[in-house]
Amino acid sequence: MTAKAAFRSLLVVGLIPFVLLGLVVTAARVYGLVRYDPAYFGETYTARYNNPGAVARALESALQAEDPSLLAELQGLRWPATFATGPTITWVQLWERTDRYVTYLYFDMSRYEPYPHHVEEVRGRWVVSPPDLYYFVESGAYKSVFLTFALIWWAAGVLTVALAYLFSTSERLGAQP
């Protein structure tokens, strides 16, 4: 392996995480174009869910009553996600607020399990956003996963290319008279 080939290999290895990240972000953005059901964004829903607190209170009722139609209404999605439900789930507190999302913490008192639910404003109303690929990208949660993956990938790639270069160089040096 020549130095030029080693450099090309390092370049390819270095770009793979960015290509994968581009594919993930593109897939999330394309899904975002068809994610929401327009039927849930009329004047009635906009007036009913005009602030994150209204959605949080309604979500507690929907989780306790195990009401799939109300859960679908709160999400506003074409393909609603399923959440853990039960009569012992209660709204505990506002957990986190970012530029885009408000996260409320719900707690199942019988199983002692916390359930964070993310609420965001979409087309003039607030909706519950399930933790899917779209949320993963839009919330910025992908950054820590991408950084970890990229650093491990780059370290493994550099090590592999360096070992291949050293091995081929040592073979050439050993073959000379």
Foldseek 3Di string as FASTA:
>chain_A
DDPVVLVVLLVVLLCVLVVVVVVLVVVLVVCVVQWADVVLQDPVNLVQFQDPVSLLVLVQVCQAVVPPVSLCSQARTPDGDDDHGHNQKAWDAFDDDDPFWTWTWIARPVVGDIDIWIWGDDNNGIHTDDPDSNCCVVVVVVVVVSVVVSVVSSVVSNVVSVVVVVVVVVVVVVPDD
